[in-house]
């Protein structure tokens, strides 16, 4: 059953009511309050310019346990060469805009609409959204962004302008930041190759909501 949200009422149905494809609800808004409520309950928005706001809660969830991230021999060699410099929360605007504009295989467009950019930039300003930036010779060449809730980093998107840049960002996130879990949301072969695995929604929610608190820094 797909629920229709009232933009004047700040609530969500329980994520266990989502459809098989993860779709839970439609409508509402992208206010900071609604987004934080959504993420703290295992729900996230995913939609395109020509559709209403759609809210998802996939079961099972695709995640990476930081301690289980897989680093290939070629990636380990790349990291040892110190080809890239890495920073956190130094260029959120450019990271999210790059994620929205990068060409992706088998995708005609982007779900990162102008409304989404404004909404997540507001969360970043408030300290709830974060970015990892990967630069080469002073130029941003890759990175990722997401929302941090209770030690769970809910990854929204990543990009690479040169080989391995987004992988470096993800590895840095897993190894250098104290996280319970990296929420990848949906399966991709790329994320599976780096250690992604399925986690039942009930287990995901148990991790997410244990001693629930909003976190504002990495």
Protein backbone atom coordinates (compact mmCIF):
# COMPACT_ATOMS: atom_id res chain seq x y z
CA UNK A 1 0.00 0.00 0.00
CA UNK A 2 1.34 3.43 -0.98
CA UNK A 3 0.45 6.20 1.47
CA UNK A 4 -0.23 9.81 0.52
CA UNK A 5 1.41 12.29 2.87
CA UNK A 6 -0.18 15.50 4.06
CA UNK A 7 2.27 18.38 3.62
CA UNK A 8 0.74 20.03 6.70
CA UNK A 9 1.23 16.97 8.91
CA UNK A 10 4.71 15.78 9.86
CA UNK A 11 4.53 12.00 9.98
CA UNK A 12 5.25 8.79 8.04
CA UNK A 13 3.73 5.31 8.01
CA UNK A 14 5.93 2.57 9.42
CA UNK A 15 8.56 1.56 6.82
CA UNK A 16 7.46 -2.08 7.00
CA UNK A 17 4.38 -1.08 4.95
CA UNK A 18 6.51 -0.33 1.87
CA UNK A 19 5.84 -2.08 -1.45
CA UNK A 20 8.18 -4.79 -2.76
CA UNK A 21 10.19 -2.18 -4.67
CA UNK A 22 10.57 -0.16 -1.48
CA UNK A 23 8.07 2.58 -2.31
CA UNK A 24 6.28 3.64 0.86
CA UNK A 25 4.66 7.03 0.38
CA UNK A 26 4.06 9.91 -1.97
CA UNK A 27 3.83 13.65 -1.38
CA UNK A 28 4.79 15.75 1.60
CA UNK A 29 7.72 18.15 1.32
CA UNK A 30 11.50 18.33 1.59
CA UNK A 31 11.70 20.41 4.75
CA UNK A 32 14.63 19.70 7.06
CA UNK A 33 12.23 18.48 9.74
CA UNK A 34 10.59 15.97 7.42
CA UNK A 35 13.88 14.74 6.01
CA UNK A 36 15.35 14.17 9.48
CA UNK A 37 12.18 12.35 10.56
CA UNK A 38 12.37 10.20 7.44
CA UNK A 39 16.02 9.24 7.82
CA UNK A 40 15.63 8.50 11.52
CA UNK A 41 12.94 5.97 10.53
CA UNK A 42 14.79 4.33 7.65
CA UNK A 43 13.00 6.28 4.92
CA UNK A 44 14.49 8.42 2.15
CA UNK A 45 13.22 10.42 -0.87
CA UNK A 46 13.99 9.33 -4.42
CA UNK A 47 12.22 10.87 -7.38
CA UNK A 48 12.75 12.79 -10.60
CA UNK A 49 11.80 16.27 -11.81
CA UNK A 50 8.64 15.05 -13.53
CA UNK A 51 7.22 13.13 -10.56
CA UNK A 52 5.88 13.98 -7.11
CA UNK A 53 8.07 13.34 -4.06
CA UNK A 54 8.43 9.59 -3.55
CA UNK A 55 9.60 8.04 -0.28
CA UNK A 56 11.30 4.63 -0.06
CA UNK A 57 12.16 2.08 2.62
CA UNK A 58 13.59 -1.01 0.85
CA UNK A 59 13.49 -4.41 2.52
CA UNK A 60 16.08 -5.82 2.56
CA UNK A 61 18.41 -2.82 2.73
CA UNK A 62 21.76 -2.80 0.96
CA UNK A 63 24.52 -1.77 3.37
CA UNK A 64 28.25 -1.87 4.00
CA UNK A 65 29.64 -2.64 7.43
CA UNK A 66 32.71 -0.39 7.67
CA UNK A 67 34.87 -3.22 9.04
CA UNK A 68 33.95 -5.41 6.05
CA UNK A 69 34.74 -3.02 3.23
CA UNK A 70 36.64 -4.76 0.45
CA UNK A 71 39.75 -3.15 -1.01
CA UNK A 72 41.17 -4.74 -4.14
CA UNK A 73 44.92 -5.03 -4.67
CA UNK A 74 44.76 -2.35 -7.35
CA UNK A 75 42.86 0.00 -5.02
CA UNK A 76 45.30 -0.64 -2.18
CA UNK A 77 48.14 0.23 -4.55
CA UNK A 78 46.32 3.39 -5.66
CA UNK A 79 45.85 4.49 -2.05
CA UNK A 80 49.50 3.85 -1.21
CA UNK A 81 50.59 6.11 -4.06
CA UNK A 82 48.84 9.08 -2.40
CA UNK A 83 47.49 10.18 -5.76
CA UNK A 84 44.50 11.86 -4.12
CA UNK A 85 43.96 14.25 -1.25
CA UNK A 86 40.82 13.77 0.82
CA UNK A 87 38.75 16.18 2.90
CA UNK A 88 35.43 16.25 4.73
CA UNK A 89 32.75 18.94 4.56
CA UNK A 90 35.00 21.37 2.71
CA UNK A 91 33.09 21.58 -0.58
CA UNK A 92 29.60 20.19 -0.12
CA UNK A 93 28.07 22.42 -2.80
CA UNK A 94 30.39 21.23 -5.54
CA UNK A 95 30.07 17.58 -4.50
CA UNK A 96 26.27 17.53 -4.66
CA UNK A 97 26.21 19.50 -7.92
CA UNK A 98 28.78 17.14 -9.43
CA UNK A 99 26.69 14.15 -8.32
CA UNK A 100 23.65 15.70 -10.01
CA UNK A 101 25.39 16.37 -13.32
CA UNK A 102 27.67 13.36 -13.80
CA UNK A 103 26.70 11.01 -16.63
CA UNK A 104 25.72 7.56 -15.39
CA UNK A 105 25.44 4.30 -17.30
CA UNK A 106 21.85 3.29 -18.16
CA UNK A 107 20.40 6.52 -16.72
CA UNK A 108 18.90 9.28 -18.84
CA UNK A 109 18.88 11.87 -16.08
CA UNK A 110 19.27 12.46 -12.37
CA UNK A 111 17.12 12.16 -9.28
CA UNK A 112 19.10 14.99 -7.69
CA UNK A 113 16.75 17.80 -8.65
CA UNK A 114 17.19 21.48 -7.81
CA UNK A 115 14.73 21.02 -4.94
CA UNK A 116 16.84 18.13 -3.63
CA UNK A 117 20.01 20.19 -3.87
CA UNK A 118 18.42 23.00 -1.87
CA UNK A 119 17.06 20.56 0.73
CA UNK A 120 20.35 18.73 1.36
CA UNK A 121 22.33 21.94 1.31
CA UNK A 122 20.04 23.14 4.10
CA UNK A 123 20.78 19.91 6.04
CA UNK A 124 24.49 20.49 5.46
CA UNK A 125 24.19 24.05 6.80
CA UNK A 126 22.48 22.61 9.88
CA UNK A 127 25.24 20.03 10.30
CA UNK A 128 23.30 16.86 9.38
CA UNK A 129 24.45 16.26 5.79
CA UNK A 130 28.12 15.66 5.03
CA UNK A 131 30.45 15.28 2.08
CA UNK A 132 33.74 13.56 1.41
CA UNK A 133 35.82 15.30 -1.23
CA UNK A 134 38.58 13.70 -3.31
CA UNK A 135 40.94 16.07 -5.10
CA UNK A 136 43.85 15.68 -7.47
CA UNK A 137 46.31 18.55 -7.90
CA UNK A 138 43.83 20.87 -6.22
CA UNK A 139 40.89 19.92 -8.46
CA UNK A 140 37.81 18.08 -7.15
CA UNK A 141 37.65 14.79 -9.05
CA UNK A 142 35.34 12.66 -6.91
CA UNK A 143 33.36 12.39 -3.72
CA UNK A 144 30.14 11.45 -2.02
CA UNK A 145 27.50 12.95 0.26
CA UNK A 146 24.87 11.69 2.66
CA UNK A 147 23.08 12.13 5.97
CA UNK A 148 24.42 10.99 9.34
CA UNK A 149 21.85 9.58 11.78
CA UNK A 150 22.85 7.73 14.95
CA UNK A 151 26.15 6.45 13.59
CA UNK A 152 24.56 5.35 10.31
CA UNK A 153 25.77 7.22 7.23
CA UNK A 154 22.92 7.24 4.73
CA UNK A 155 24.77 7.61 1.45
CA UNK A 156 22.90 9.58 -1.18
CA UNK A 157 25.22 9.72 -4.16
CA UNK A 158 28.83 9.62 -5.30
CA UNK A 159 30.73 10.65 -8.41
CA UNK A 160 34.08 10.17 -10.14
CA UNK A 161 35.67 12.28 -12.82
CA UNK A 162 38.78 10.09 -12.86
CA UNK A 163 39.13 6.35 -12.17
CA UNK A 164 38.89 5.23 -8.51
CA UNK A 165 38.02 8.65 -7.03
CA UNK A 166 34.61 7.64 -5.64
CA UNK A 167 36.05 4.36 -4.36
CA UNK A 168 38.70 6.29 -2.45
CA UNK A 169 35.96 8.46 -0.91
CA UNK A 170 33.97 5.41 0.20
CA UNK A 171 37.01 3.63 1.63
CA UNK A 172 37.99 6.76 3.54
CA UNK A 173 34.46 7.02 4.94
CA UNK A 174 34.56 3.39 6.08
CA UNK A 175 38.05 3.43 7.55
CA UNK A 176 38.50 6.88 8.99
CA UNK A 177 35.05 7.71 10.39
CA UNK A 178 33.52 5.96 13.41
CA UNK A 179 30.32 4.57 11.90
CA UNK A 180 28.02 1.69 12.72
CA UNK A 181 26.89 1.23 9.15
CA UNK A 182 26.99 2.76 5.68
CA UNK A 183 23.50 2.67 4.18
CA UNK A 184 23.77 2.21 0.39
CA UNK A 185 19.95 1.99 0.08
CA UNK A 186 19.80 -0.09 -3.13
CA UNK A 187 22.01 -2.80 -4.61
CA UNK A 188 24.58 -2.07 -7.30
CA UNK A 189 27.28 -4.42 -8.57
CA UNK A 190 29.87 -1.72 -7.85
CA UNK A 191 28.89 -1.48 -4.18
CA UNK A 192 28.63 -5.26 -3.86
CA UNK A 193 32.22 -5.55 -5.09
CA UNK A 194 33.24 -3.26 -2.23
CA UNK A 195 31.53 -5.31 0.45
CA UNK A 196 27.89 -4.38 0.15
CA UNK A 197 25.39 -6.89 1.49
CA UNK A 198 21.68 -7.17 2.15
CA UNK A 199 20.32 -6.53 5.64
CA UNK A 200 16.71 -7.16 6.64
CA UNK A 201 14.85 -3.91 7.24
CA UNK A 202 14.02 -4.95 10.81
CA UNK A 203 17.74 -5.41 11.59
CA UNK A 204 18.60 -2.14 9.88
CA UNK A 205 16.01 -0.28 11.94
CA UNK A 206 17.27 -1.89 15.15
CA UNK A 207 20.75 -0.50 14.47
CA UNK A 208 19.46 2.87 13.29
CA UNK A 209 17.08 3.53 16.18
CA UNK A 210 19.11 2.18 19.10
CA UNK A 211 19.61 5.14 21.45
CA UNK A 212 18.49 7.34 18.57
CA UNK A 213 20.13 10.72 18.34
CA UNK A 214 20.87 13.15 15.57
CA UNK A 215 24.56 13.67 14.91
CA UNK A 216 26.01 16.83 13.49
CA UNK A 217 29.66 16.11 12.87
CA UNK A 218 31.95 13.47 11.42
